[in-house]
C-alpha atoms as a PDB file:
ATOM      1  CA  MET A   1      -5.995   5.744   4.942  1.00  0.00           C
ATOM      2  CA  LEU A   2      -6.882   2.523   3.151  1.00  0.00           C
ATOM      3  CA  ASN A   3      -3.208   1.300   3.168  1.00  0.00           C
ATOM      4  CA  ARG A   4      -2.884   1.773   6.731  1.00  0.00           C
ATOM      5  CA  ASN A   5      -5.934  -0.333   7.348  1.00  0.00           C
ATOM      6  CA  ILE A   6      -4.591  -2.997   5.232  1.00  0.00           C
ATOM      7  CA  TRP A   7      -1.157  -2.965   6.846  1.00  0.00           C
ATOM      8  CA  LYS A   8      -2.644  -3.196  10.324  1.00  0.00           C
ATOM      9  CA  ASN A   9      -4.526  -6.175   9.246  1.00  0.00           C
ATOM     10  CA  TYR A  10      -1.578  -7.734   7.556  1.00  0.00           C
ATOM     11  CA  ARG A  11       0.738  -6.957  10.767  1.00  0.00           C
ATOM     12  CA  LYS A  12      -2.105  -9.041  12.963  1.00  0.00           C
ATOM     13  CA  TYR A  13      -1.695 -11.924  10.633  1.00  0.00           C
ATOM     14  CA  LEU A  14       2.084 -11.578  10.476  1.00  0.00           C
ATOM     15  CA  ILE A  15       2.213 -11.612  14.125  1.00  0.00           C
ATOM     16  CA  PHE A  16      -0.306 -14.646  14.591  1.00  0.00           C
ATOM     17  CA  PHE A  17       1.728 -16.456  11.859  1.00  0.00           C
ATOM     18  CA  LEU A  18       4.982 -16.018  13.704  1.00  0.00           C
ATOM     19  CA  LEU A  19       3.332 -17.085  16.953  1.00  0.00           C
ATOM     20  CA  VAL A  20       2.314 -20.087  15.305  1.00  0.00           C
ATOM     21  CA  LEU A  21       5.745 -20.899  13.879  1.00  0.00           C
ATOM     22  CA  LEU A  22       7.462 -20.206  17.186  1.00  0.00           C
ATOM     23  CA  GLY A  23       5.099 -22.620  18.852  1.00  0.00           C
ATOM     24  CA  ALA A  24       5.786 -25.178  16.256  1.00  0.00           C
ATOM     25  CA  CYS A  25       9.518 -24.818  16.735  1.00  0.00           C
ATOM     26  CA  SER A  26       9.283 -25.392  20.379  1.00  0.00           C
ATOM     27  CA  SER A  27       9.807 -29.108  21.099  1.00  0.00           C
ATOM     28  CA  LEU A  28       8.058 -31.391  23.485  1.00  0.00           C
ATOM     29  CA  PRO A  29      10.215 -33.552  25.616  1.00  0.00           C
ATOM     30  CA  SER A  30      11.111 -37.079  24.130  1.00  0.00           C
ATOM     31  CA  PRO A  31       8.957 -39.790  25.229  1.00  0.00           C
ATOM     32  CA  PRO A  32      10.747 -42.217  27.900  1.00  0.00           C
ATOM     33  CA  GLY A  33      13.134 -44.778  26.061  1.00  0.00           C
ATOM     34  CA  THR A  34      13.606 -42.538  23.154  1.00  0.00           C
ATOM     35  CA  PRO A  35      16.956 -41.413  22.561  1.00  0.00           C
ATOM     36  CA  PRO A  36      17.407 -37.487  21.928  1.00  0.00           C
ATOM     37  CA  ARG A  37      17.911 -36.338  18.537  1.00  0.00           C
ATOM     38  CA  ALA A  38      21.567 -35.491  17.556  1.00  0.00           C
ATOM     39  CA  ASN A  39      20.842 -31.875  16.739  1.00  0.00           C
ATOM     40  CA  GLU A  40      19.258 -31.272  19.920  1.00  0.00           C
ATOM     41  CA  LYS A  41      22.639 -31.799  21.452  1.00  0.00           C
ATOM     42  CA  SER A  42      24.383 -29.225  19.320  1.00  0.00           C
ATOM     43  CA  TRP A  43      21.841 -26.715  20.136  1.00  0.00           C
ATOM     44  CA  PHE A  44      23.214 -26.238  23.477  1.00  0.00           C
ATOM     45  CA  LYS A  45      26.871 -26.346  22.489  1.00  0.00           C
ATOM     46  CA  ARG A  46      26.427 -23.337  19.849  1.00  0.00           C
ATOM     47  CA  SER A  47      27.023 -19.927  21.146  1.00  0.00           C
ATOM     48  CA  PRO A  48      23.848 -17.728  21.290  1.00  0.00           C
ATOM     49  CA  ALA A  49      25.080 -15.601  18.616  1.00  0.00           C
ATOM     50  CA  ASP A  50      22.709 -16.901  16.054  1.00  0.00           C
ATOM     51  CA  VAL A  51      20.044 -16.095  18.568  1.00  0.00           C
ATOM     52  CA  ASN A  52      21.153 -12.613  18.773  1.00  0.00           C
ATOM     53  CA  ILE A  53      21.277 -12.220  15.055  1.00  0.00           C
ATOM     54  CA  PHE A  54      17.803 -13.453  14.877  1.00  0.00           C
ATOM     55  CA  TYR A  55      16.353 -11.035  17.409  1.00  0.00           C
ATOM     56  CA  GLN A  56      18.124  -8.539  15.770  1.00  0.00           C
ATOM     57  CA  GLY A  57      16.476  -9.097  12.551  1.00  0.00           C
ATOM     58  CA  ILE A  58      13.267  -9.406  14.422  1.00  0.00           C
ATOM     59  CA  SER A  59      13.936  -5.729  16.073  1.00  0.00           C
ATOM     60  CA  TYR A  60      14.406  -4.325  12.672  1.00  0.00           C
ATOM     61  CA  LEU A  61      10.890  -5.435  11.757  1.00  0.00           C
ATOM     62  CA  GLY A  62       9.809  -2.322  14.113  1.00  0.00           C
ATOM     63  CA  ASP A  63       6.859  -1.687  16.566  1.00  0.00           C
ATOM     64  CA  LYS A  64       5.037   0.879  18.050  1.00  0.00           C
ATOM     65  CA  GLU A  65       8.179   3.088  18.773  1.00  0.00           C
ATOM     66  CA  LYS A  66      10.545   2.115  16.080  1.00  0.00           C
ATOM     67  CA  ALA A  67       9.945   2.450  12.177  1.00  0.00           C
ATOM     68  CA  THR A  68      10.470  -0.760  10.060  1.00  0.00           C
ATOM     69  CA  ASP A  69      13.614  -1.282   8.259  1.00  0.00           C
ATOM     70  CA  TYR A  70      13.109  -4.045   5.902  1.00  0.00           C
ATOM     71  CA  ALA A  71      16.674  -3.959   4.309  1.00  0.00           C
ATOM     72  CA  LYS A  72      18.385  -4.326   7.664  1.00  0.00           C
ATOM     73  CA  ALA A  73      15.899  -7.014   8.759  1.00  0.00           C
ATOM     74  CA  ARG A  74      16.502  -8.951   5.499  1.00  0.00           C
ATOM     75  CA  ALA A  75      20.418  -8.578   5.894  1.00  0.00           C
ATOM     76  CA  ALA A  76      20.211  -9.856   9.462  1.00  0.00           C
ATOM     77  CA  PHE A  77      18.283 -12.812   8.349  1.00  0.00           C
ATOM     78  CA  ASN A  78      20.644 -13.475   5.438  1.00  0.00           C
ATOM     79  CA  GLU A  79      23.570 -13.156   7.731  1.00  0.00           C
ATOM     80  CA  LEU A  80      22.046 -15.859  10.167  1.00  0.00           C
ATOM     81  CA  LEU A  81      21.552 -18.048   7.234  1.00  0.00           C
ATOM     82  CA  ASN A  82      24.980 -17.574   5.738  1.00  0.00           C
ATOM     83  CA  THR A  83      26.673 -17.570   9.142  1.00  0.00           C
ATOM     84  CA  TYR A  84      24.887 -20.487  10.903  1.00  0.00           C
ATOM     85  CA  PRO A  85      23.402 -22.803   8.196  1.00  0.00           C
ATOM     86  CA  LYS A  86      22.387 -25.579  10.816  1.00  0.00           C
ATOM     87  CA  SER A  87      20.819 -23.118  13.303  1.00  0.00           C
ATOM     88  CA  LYS A  88      17.407 -23.945  14.633  1.00  0.00           C
ATOM     89  CA  TRP A  89      16.294 -20.434  13.621  1.00  0.00           C
ATOM     90  CA  ARG A  90      16.943 -21.119   9.815  1.00  0.00           C
ATOM     91  CA  GLY A  91      13.474 -21.838   9.171  1.00  0.00           C
ATOM     92  CA  LEU A  92      12.036 -18.899  10.699  1.00  0.00           C
ATOM     93  CA  ALA A  93      14.791 -16.795   9.002  1.00  0.00           C
ATOM     94  CA  GLU A  94      13.790 -18.212   5.633  1.00  0.00           C
ATOM     95  CA  THR A  95      10.056 -17.459   6.367  1.00  0.00           C
ATOM     96  CA  PHE A  96      11.025 -14.035   7.445  1.00  0.00           C
ATOM     97  CA  ILE A  97      12.847 -13.355   4.349  1.00  0.00           C
ATOM     98  CA  ARG A  98      10.059 -14.595   2.199  1.00  0.00           C
ATOM     99  CA  LEU A  99       7.551 -12.517   4.343  1.00  0.00           C
ATOM    100  CA  ILE A 100       9.670  -9.450   3.741  1.00  0.00           C
ATOM    101  CA  ASP A 101       9.994  -9.986   0.131  1.00  0.00           C
ATOM    102  CA  THR A 102       6.295 -10.119  -0.126  1.00  0.00           C
ATOM    103  CA  ASP A 103       5.758  -7.076   2.125  1.00  0.00           C
ATOM    104  CA  VAL A 104       8.238  -5.205  -0.177  1.00  0.00           C
ATOM    105  CA  GLN A 105       6.480  -6.304  -3.266  1.00  0.00           C
ATOM    106  CA  PHE A 106       3.122  -5.333  -1.688  1.00  0.00           C
ATOM    107  CA  ILE A 107       4.313  -1.936  -0.768  1.00  0.00           C
ATOM    108  CA  GLU A 108       6.055  -1.284  -4.038  1.00  0.00           C
ATOM    109  CA  LYS A 109       2.678  -2.031  -5.686  1.00  0.00           C
ATOM    110  CA  ALA A 110       0.719   0.068  -3.245  1.00  0.00           C
ATOM    111  CA  GLN A 111       3.110   2.821  -4.204  1.00  0.00           C
ATOM    112  CA  LYS A 112       2.664   2.335  -8.150  1.00  0.00           C
ATOM    113  CA  ASP A 113      -1.201   2.031  -7.645  1.00  0.00           C
ATOM    114  CA  HIS A 114      -0.936   5.362  -5.375  1.00  0.00           C
ATOM    115  CA  ALA A 115       1.222   7.147  -8.202  1.00  0.00           C
ATOM    116  CA  ARG A 116      -1.257   6.065 -10.815  1.00  0.00           C
ATOM    117  CA  LEU A 117      -4.207   7.126  -8.744  1.00  0.00           C
ATOM    118  CA  LEU A 118      -2.886  10.563  -8.268  1.00  0.00           C
ATOM    119  CA  LYS A 119      -2.223  10.917 -12.058  1.00  0.00           C
ATOM    120  CA  GLU A 120      -5.748  10.031 -12.676  1.00  0.00           C
ATOM    121  CA  ASN A 121      -6.930  12.513 -10.065  1.00  0.00           C
ATOM    122  CA  GLU A 122      -5.060  15.186 -11.554  1.00  0.00           C
ATOM    123  CA  GLN A 123      -6.425  14.240 -15.143  1.00  0.00           C
ATOM    124  CA  VAL A 124      -9.905  14.013 -13.680  1.00  0.00           C
ATOM    125  CA  LYS A 125      -9.336  17.777 -12.005  1.00  0.00           C
ATOM    126  CA  LYS A 126      -8.189  18.866 -15.312  1.00  0.00           C
ATOM    127  CA  ASP A 127     -11.087  17.504 -17.191  1.00  0.00           C
ATOM    128  CA  ASN A 128     -13.413  19.145 -14.470  1.00  0.00           C
ATOM    129  CA  ARG A 129     -11.850  22.503 -14.738  1.00  0.00           C
ATOM    130  CA  ARG A 130     -11.986  22.259 -18.898  1.00  0.00           C
ATOM    131  CA  LEU A 131     -15.854  20.952 -18.538  1.00  0.00           C
ATOM    132  CA  LEU A 132     -16.438  23.937 -16.073  1.00  0.00           C
ATOM    133  CA  GLU A 133     -15.005  26.583 -18.320  1.00  0.00           C
ATOM    134  CA  GLU A 134     -16.758  25.077 -21.480  1.00  0.00           C
ATOM    135  CA  SER A 135     -20.144  25.222 -19.365  1.00  0.00           C
ATOM    136  CA  ALA A 136     -19.451  28.797 -18.496  1.00  0.00           C
ATOM    137  CA  LYS A 137     -18.785  29.819 -21.994  1.00  0.00           C
ATOM    138  CA  LEU A 138     -21.973  27.919 -23.132  1.00  0.00           C
ATOM    139  CA  ILE A 139     -24.082  29.713 -20.477  1.00  0.00           C
ATOM    140  CA  GLN A 140     -22.694  32.889 -21.685  1.00  0.00           C
ATOM    141  CA  GLU A 141     -23.413  32.016 -25.381  1.00  0.00           C
ATOM    142  CA  ASN A 142     -26.838  30.964 -24.365  1.00  0.00           C
ATOM    143  CA  GLU A 143     -27.578  34.352 -22.777  1.00  0.00           C
ATOM    144  CA  GLN A 144     -26.238  36.160 -25.927  1.00  0.00           C
ATOM    145  CA  LEU A 145     -28.466  34.065 -28.049  1.00  0.00           C
ATOM    146  CA  LYS A 146     -31.349  35.044 -25.604  1.00  0.00           C
ATOM    147  CA  ASN A 147     -30.580  38.637 -25.961  1.00  0.00           C
ATOM    148  CA  ASP A 148     -30.290  38.310 -29.745  1.00  0.00           C
ATOM    149  CA  ILE A 149     -33.697  36.621 -29.976  1.00  0.00           C
ATOM    150  CA  GLN A 150     -35.261  39.587 -27.900  1.00  0.00           C
ATOM    151  CA  LEU A 151     -33.499  42.048 -29.988  1.00  0.00           C
ATOM    152  CA  LEU A 152     -34.968  40.333 -33.165  1.00  0.00           C
ATOM    153  CA  LYS A 153     -38.353  40.332 -31.618  1.00  0.00           C
ATOM    154  CA  SER A 154     -38.337  44.055 -30.907  1.00  0.00           C
ATOM    155  CA  LEU A 155     -36.946  44.777 -34.384  1.00  0.00           C
ATOM    156  CA  GLU A 156     -39.716  42.602 -35.852  1.00  0.00           C
ATOM    157  CA  VAL A 157     -42.432  44.512 -33.964  1.00  0.00           C
ATOM    158  CA  GLN A 158     -40.808  47.701 -35.124  1.00  0.00           C
ATOM    159  CA  LEU A 159     -40.781  46.593 -38.729  1.00  0.00           C
ATOM    160  CA  GLU A 160     -44.655  45.651 -38.298  1.00  0.00           C
ATOM    161  CA  LYS A 161     -45.431  49.153 -36.891  1.00  0.00           C
ATOM    162  CA  ARG A 162     -43.604  50.823 -39.803  1.00  0.00           C
ATOM    163  CA  GLU A 163     -45.328  48.526 -42.328  1.00  0.00           C
ATOM    164  CA  LYS A 164     -48.701  49.288 -40.884  1.00  0.00           C
ATOM    165  CA  LYS A 165     -47.537  53.301 -40.976  1.00  0.00           C
ATOM    166  CA  LEU A 166     -46.872  53.084 -44.667  1.00  0.00           C
ATOM    167  CA  ARG A 167     -50.103  51.402 -45.725  1.00  0.00           C
END
């Protein structure tokens, strides 16, 4: 339950971060009198394949209907970096790879913590069962001691009666 809440909050921050990055990547028109940058011209000559690979990587990150597949998303972003090293999506692809790696590490740590907590829980349950058994034994022993005390008292009373008779 706690992991789901953390993941939901983490997902909100991830989406916000992506929107900020996408907004930063969009460019404003050049001021009048300044020549356009050289790499802007090359963007329009490139095939849209780098965009398709980038969106494919994003689609693997999942949504409400589809499960997240970090391995495929990372592979798609690596393909984009290797195939189109000068792509305008390179920075975002690198950022996504870092986020995926961080996410995978977070998930692995959460899984290790979960396994450790399950072991601790089992140990506490065993200790609880052992203590309950010991408590039951002590209660039974206590009852036996009470019965023995009552028996001793009655024997003492009988002994006193015999002593009185013998005198």
